[in-house]
């Protein structure tokens, strides 16, 4: 069983997700409300099937709290990462962009 990783870029109104499964990727956008969370969860199930799922999002104040709790309560592993760690990683990789 492999792990599928999903990176989430979240804002007040919406969030964008990028799913990585081996060499395959898929992108989608969702509203940052309960109905968007439900649609996101269905989108995850569509690609994850029997694989483990790990969702990672940047700490952006309160914007990601409800999504994180929804995913956690649904049994999905969630990591909230400090933006300074992301910036530090990109600098370590000699990259000027974080995406």
N, C-alpha and C. Protein backbone atom coordinates (compact mmCIF):
# COMPACT_ATOMS: atom_id res chain seq x y z
N UNK A 1 0.84 -1.16 0.00
CA UNK A 1 0.00 0.00 0.00
C UNK A 1 0.89 1.24 0.00
N UNK A 2 0.66 2.15 -0.93
CA UNK A 2 1.47 3.35 -1.01
C UNK A 2 0.72 4.54 -0.42
N UNK A 3 1.43 5.64 -0.23
CA UNK A 3 0.83 6.85 0.32
C UNK A 3 0.64 7.87 -0.78
N UNK A 4 -0.53 8.47 -0.81
CA UNK A 4 -0.83 9.56 -1.73
C UNK A 4 -0.69 10.86 -0.95
N UNK A 5 0.05 11.79 -1.50
CA UNK A 5 0.27 13.08 -0.85
C UNK A 5 -0.55 14.15 -1.55
N UNK A 6 -1.15 15.02 -0.74
CA UNK A 6 -1.95 16.11 -1.28
C UNK A 6 -1.50 17.41 -0.63
N UNK A 7 -1.06 18.35 -1.44
CA UNK A 7 -0.69 19.67 -0.96
C UNK A 7 -1.86 20.60 -1.15
N UNK A 8 -2.15 21.41 -0.14
CA UNK A 8 -3.28 22.32 -0.19
C UNK A 8 -2.80 23.75 0.01
N UNK A 9 -3.23 24.63 -0.90
CA UNK A 9 -2.98 26.06 -0.79
C UNK A 9 -4.32 26.69 -0.45
N UNK A 10 -4.43 27.24 0.75
CA UNK A 10 -5.75 27.67 1.24
C UNK A 10 -5.83 29.18 1.41
N UNK A 11 -7.01 29.71 1.12
CA UNK A 11 -7.28 31.14 1.34
C UNK A 11 -8.65 31.25 2.02
N UNK A 12 -9.10 32.46 2.24
CA UNK A 12 -10.35 32.68 2.95
C UNK A 12 -11.55 32.05 2.23
N UNK A 13 -11.62 32.19 0.92
CA UNK A 13 -12.78 31.74 0.15
C UNK A 13 -12.62 30.36 -0.49
N UNK A 14 -11.42 30.01 -0.92
CA UNK A 14 -11.21 28.77 -1.66
C UNK A 14 -9.93 28.08 -1.21
N UNK A 15 -9.76 26.85 -1.69
CA UNK A 15 -8.48 26.18 -1.54
C UNK A 15 -8.22 25.32 -2.77
N UNK A 16 -6.94 25.27 -3.16
CA UNK A 16 -6.49 24.48 -4.29
C UNK A 16 -5.74 23.28 -3.77
N UNK A 17 -5.95 22.14 -4.40
CA UNK A 17 -5.30 20.91 -3.98
C UNK A 17 -4.55 20.29 -5.15
N UNK A 18 -3.37 19.76 -4.86
CA UNK A 18 -2.58 19.03 -5.84
C UNK A 18 -2.27 17.67 -5.26
N UNK A 19 -2.76 16.63 -5.90
CA UNK A 19 -2.58 15.26 -5.45
C UNK A 19 -1.42 14.63 -6.21
N UNK A 20 -0.53 13.97 -5.49
CA UNK A 20 0.62 13.30 -6.10
C UNK A 20 0.53 11.81 -5.78
N UNK A 21 0.45 11.02 -6.83
CA UNK A 21 0.38 9.57 -6.70
C UNK A 21 1.44 8.97 -7.61
N UNK A 22 2.62 8.71 -7.05
CA UNK A 22 3.73 8.24 -7.88
C UNK A 22 4.15 9.34 -8.83
N UNK A 23 4.07 9.08 -10.13
CA UNK A 23 4.42 10.09 -11.13
C UNK A 23 3.20 10.83 -11.66
N UNK A 24 2.01 10.48 -11.17
CA UNK A 24 0.77 11.12 -11.62
C UNK A 24 0.38 12.24 -10.67
N UNK A 25 -0.17 13.32 -11.24
CA UNK A 25 -0.68 14.42 -10.42
C UNK A 25 -2.08 14.79 -10.89
N UNK A 26 -2.83 15.39 -10.00
CA UNK A 26 -4.16 15.88 -10.31
C UNK A 26 -4.39 17.14 -9.49
N UNK A 27 -5.02 18.14 -10.09
CA UNK A 27 -5.28 19.41 -9.41
C UNK A 27 -6.77 19.71 -9.43
N UNK A 28 -7.23 20.38 -8.38
CA UNK A 28 -8.62 20.81 -8.33
C UNK A 28 -8.76 21.94 -7.32
N UNK A 29 -9.86 22.71 -7.46
CA UNK A 29 -10.14 23.82 -6.55
C UNK A 29 -11.49 23.58 -5.87
N UNK A 30 -11.60 24.06 -4.63
CA UNK A 30 -12.79 23.84 -3.83
C UNK A 30 -13.11 25.10 -3.04
N UNK A 31 -14.39 25.26 -2.65
CA UNK A 31 -14.75 26.38 -1.77
C UNK A 31 -14.37 26.02 -0.34
N UNK A 32 -13.97 27.02 0.41
CA UNK A 32 -13.52 26.81 1.79
C UNK A 32 -14.73 26.83 2.74
N UNK A 33 -15.65 25.88 2.51
CA UNK A 33 -16.86 25.70 3.32
C UNK A 33 -17.15 24.22 3.41
N UNK A 34 -18.09 23.86 4.25
CA UNK A 34 -18.45 22.46 4.47
C UNK A 34 -18.70 21.71 3.16
N UNK A 35 -19.46 22.31 2.24
CA UNK A 35 -19.74 21.62 0.97
C UNK A 35 -18.47 21.39 0.14
N UNK A 36 -17.52 22.30 0.24
CA UNK A 36 -16.23 22.12 -0.41
C UNK A 36 -15.42 21.01 0.23
N UNK A 37 -15.52 20.89 1.55
CA UNK A 37 -14.81 19.83 2.27
C UNK A 37 -15.34 18.45 1.85
N UNK A 38 -16.67 18.36 1.74
CA UNK A 38 -17.29 17.09 1.34
C UNK A 38 -16.87 16.74 -0.09
N UNK A 39 -16.89 17.73 -0.99
CA UNK A 39 -16.46 17.50 -2.38
C UNK A 39 -14.98 17.10 -2.44
N UNK A 40 -14.15 17.74 -1.62
CA UNK A 40 -12.73 17.42 -1.55
C UNK A 40 -12.52 15.99 -1.06
N UNK A 41 -13.27 15.59 -0.04
CA UNK A 41 -13.15 14.23 0.48
C UNK A 41 -13.53 13.20 -0.59
N UNK A 42 -14.58 13.47 -1.36
CA UNK A 42 -14.97 12.57 -2.45
C UNK A 42 -13.87 12.52 -3.51
N UNK A 43 -13.26 13.66 -3.79
CA UNK A 43 -12.17 13.74 -4.78
C UNK A 43 -10.99 12.90 -4.31
N UNK A 44 -10.69 12.98 -3.02
CA UNK A 44 -9.60 12.17 -2.45
C UNK A 44 -9.90 10.69 -2.62
N UNK A 45 -11.11 10.28 -2.24
CA UNK A 45 -11.50 8.87 -2.34
C UNK A 45 -11.40 8.35 -3.77
N UNK A 46 -11.74 9.20 -4.72
CA UNK A 46 -11.69 8.81 -6.14
C UNK A 46 -10.28 8.39 -6.55
N UNK A 47 -9.28 9.10 -6.06
CA UNK A 47 -7.90 8.81 -6.43
C UNK A 47 -7.17 7.88 -5.46
N UNK A 48 -7.54 7.94 -4.19
CA UNK A 48 -6.81 7.19 -3.18
C UNK A 48 -7.14 5.70 -3.19
N UNK A 49 -8.38 5.36 -3.44
CA UNK A 49 -8.86 3.98 -3.41
C UNK A 49 -8.41 3.31 -2.11
N UNK A 50 -7.50 2.36 -2.13
CA UNK A 50 -7.07 1.67 -0.91
C UNK A 50 -5.73 2.18 -0.38
N UNK A 51 -5.26 3.30 -0.88
CA UNK A 51 -3.97 3.84 -0.44
C UNK A 51 -4.13 4.74 0.78
N UNK A 52 -3.05 4.92 1.51
CA UNK A 52 -3.02 5.88 2.60
C UNK A 52 -2.98 7.28 2.01
N UNK A 53 -3.54 8.24 2.72
CA UNK A 53 -3.57 9.62 2.24
C UNK A 53 -2.98 10.54 3.30
N UNK A 54 -2.14 11.47 2.85
CA UNK A 54 -1.53 12.46 3.75
C UNK A 54 -1.73 13.83 3.12
N UNK A 55 -2.50 14.69 3.80
CA UNK A 55 -2.77 16.04 3.33
C UNK A 55 -1.88 17.01 4.09
N UNK A 56 -1.26 17.92 3.37
CA UNK A 56 -0.35 18.89 3.97
C UNK A 56 -0.78 20.29 3.55
N UNK A 57 -0.92 21.18 4.54
CA UNK A 57 -1.25 22.56 4.21
C UNK A 57 -0.44 23.51 5.06
N UNK A 58 -0.29 24.71 4.53
CA UNK A 58 0.48 25.74 5.19
C UNK A 58 -0.35 26.39 6.30
N UNK A 59 0.27 26.71 7.41
CA UNK A 59 -0.42 27.41 8.50
C UNK A 59 -0.74 28.82 8.03
N UNK A 60 -2.03 29.10 7.86
CA UNK A 60 -2.47 30.41 7.37
C UNK A 60 -3.51 31.00 8.31
N UNK A 61 -3.17 31.07 9.56
CA UNK A 61 -4.13 31.59 10.53
C UNK A 61 -5.30 30.65 10.67
N UNK A 62 -6.50 31.17 10.59
CA UNK A 62 -7.70 30.38 10.80
C UNK A 62 -8.26 29.75 9.53
N UNK A 63 -7.75 30.09 8.37
CA UNK A 63 -8.34 29.63 7.11
C UNK A 63 -8.37 28.11 6.97
N UNK A 64 -7.39 27.41 7.49
CA UNK A 64 -7.31 25.97 7.32
C UNK A 64 -7.82 25.15 8.48
N UNK A 65 -8.23 25.79 9.56
CA UNK A 65 -8.65 25.05 10.76
C UNK A 65 -9.82 24.11 10.52
N UNK A 66 -10.89 24.60 9.92
CA UNK A 66 -12.08 23.78 9.72
C UNK A 66 -11.80 22.62 8.76
N UNK A 67 -11.05 22.90 7.70
CA UNK A 67 -10.69 21.83 6.76
C UNK A 67 -9.85 20.77 7.46
N UNK A 68 -8.86 21.19 8.23
CA UNK A 68 -7.99 20.26 8.94
C UNK A 68 -8.79 19.37 9.89
N UNK A 69 -9.69 19.96 10.65
CA UNK A 69 -10.51 19.18 11.59
C UNK A 69 -11.44 18.22 10.84
N UNK A 70 -12.01 18.68 9.74
CA UNK A 70 -12.89 17.82 8.94
C UNK A 70 -12.12 16.60 8.44
N UNK A 71 -10.94 16.82 7.88
CA UNK A 71 -10.14 15.71 7.35
C UNK A 71 -9.69 14.78 8.46
N UNK A 72 -9.23 15.34 9.57
CA UNK A 72 -8.77 14.53 10.70
C UNK A 72 -9.91 13.66 11.23
N UNK A 73 -11.08 14.24 11.38
CA UNK A 73 -12.24 13.48 11.86
C UNK A 73 -12.72 12.44 10.86
N UNK A 74 -12.31 12.59 9.60
CA UNK A 74 -12.64 11.61 8.55
C UNK A 74 -11.58 10.51 8.46
N UNK A 75 -10.57 10.58 9.30
CA UNK A 75 -9.54 9.55 9.33
C UNK A 75 -8.38 9.77 8.37
N UNK A 76 -8.23 11.00 7.90
CA UNK A 76 -7.14 11.33 6.97
C UNK A 76 -6.02 12.02 7.74
N UNK A 77 -4.79 11.60 7.48
CA UNK A 77 -3.63 12.21 8.13
C UNK A 77 -3.44 13.63 7.60
N UNK A 78 -3.28 14.58 8.52
CA UNK A 78 -3.16 16.00 8.16
C UNK A 78 -1.93 16.58 8.83
N UNK A 79 -1.15 17.34 8.07
CA UNK A 79 -0.01 18.09 8.63
C UNK A 79 -0.20 19.56 8.31
N UNK A 80 -0.02 20.39 9.32
CA UNK A 80 -0.05 21.84 9.12
C UNK A 80 1.37 22.33 9.31
N UNK A 81 1.93 22.88 8.24
CA UNK A 81 3.35 23.22 8.19
C UNK A 81 3.56 24.72 8.37
N UNK A 82 4.56 25.07 9.15
CA UNK A 82 4.96 26.46 9.35
C UNK A 82 5.51 27.01 8.02
N UNK A 83 5.02 28.18 7.57
CA UNK A 83 5.51 28.75 6.30
C UNK A 83 7.02 28.97 6.28
N UNK A 84 7.63 29.22 7.43
CA UNK A 84 9.09 29.41 7.49
C UNK A 84 9.82 28.13 7.11
N UNK A 85 9.25 26.97 7.45
CA UNK A 85 9.87 25.68 7.07
C UNK A 85 9.82 25.49 5.56
N UNK A 86 8.71 25.91 4.95
CA UNK A 86 8.57 25.78 3.50
C UNK A 86 9.58 26.69 2.81
N UNK A 87 9.70 27.93 3.29
CA UNK A 87 10.67 28.86 2.72
C UNK A 87 12.09 28.34 2.91
N UNK A 88 12.39 27.81 4.09
CA UNK A 88 13.71 27.27 4.36
C UNK A 88 14.04 26.10 3.44
N UNK A 89 13.05 25.24 3.18
CA UNK A 89 13.28 24.12 2.28
C UNK A 89 13.58 24.60 0.86
N UNK A 90 12.81 25.59 0.38
CA UNK A 90 13.05 26.08 -0.98
C UNK A 90 14.43 26.74 -1.09
N UNK A 91 14.86 27.43 -0.04
CA UNK A 91 16.20 28.03 -0.05
C UNK A 91 17.27 26.94 -0.04
N UNK A 92 17.03 25.89 0.69
CA UNK A 92 17.96 24.76 0.74
C UNK A 92 18.11 24.11 -0.63
N UNK A 93 17.01 24.10 -1.38
CA UNK A 93 17.01 23.50 -2.72
C UNK A 93 17.46 24.50 -3.79
N UNK A 94 17.86 25.71 -3.37
CA UNK A 94 18.29 26.78 -4.27
C UNK A 94 17.19 27.16 -5.25
N UNK A 95 15.97 27.21 -4.75
CA UNK A 95 14.82 27.57 -5.57
C UNK A 95 14.26 28.90 -5.08
N UNK A 96 13.80 29.72 -6.02
CA UNK A 96 13.23 31.02 -5.63
C UNK A 96 11.73 30.98 -5.47
N UNK A 97 11.09 29.93 -5.93
CA UNK A 97 9.63 29.81 -5.81
C UNK A 97 9.29 28.68 -4.86
N UNK A 98 8.16 28.78 -4.18
CA UNK A 98 7.79 27.75 -3.23
C UNK A 98 6.84 26.70 -3.81
N UNK A 99 6.33 26.93 -5.02
CA UNK A 99 5.37 25.98 -5.58
C UNK A 99 6.04 24.89 -6.37
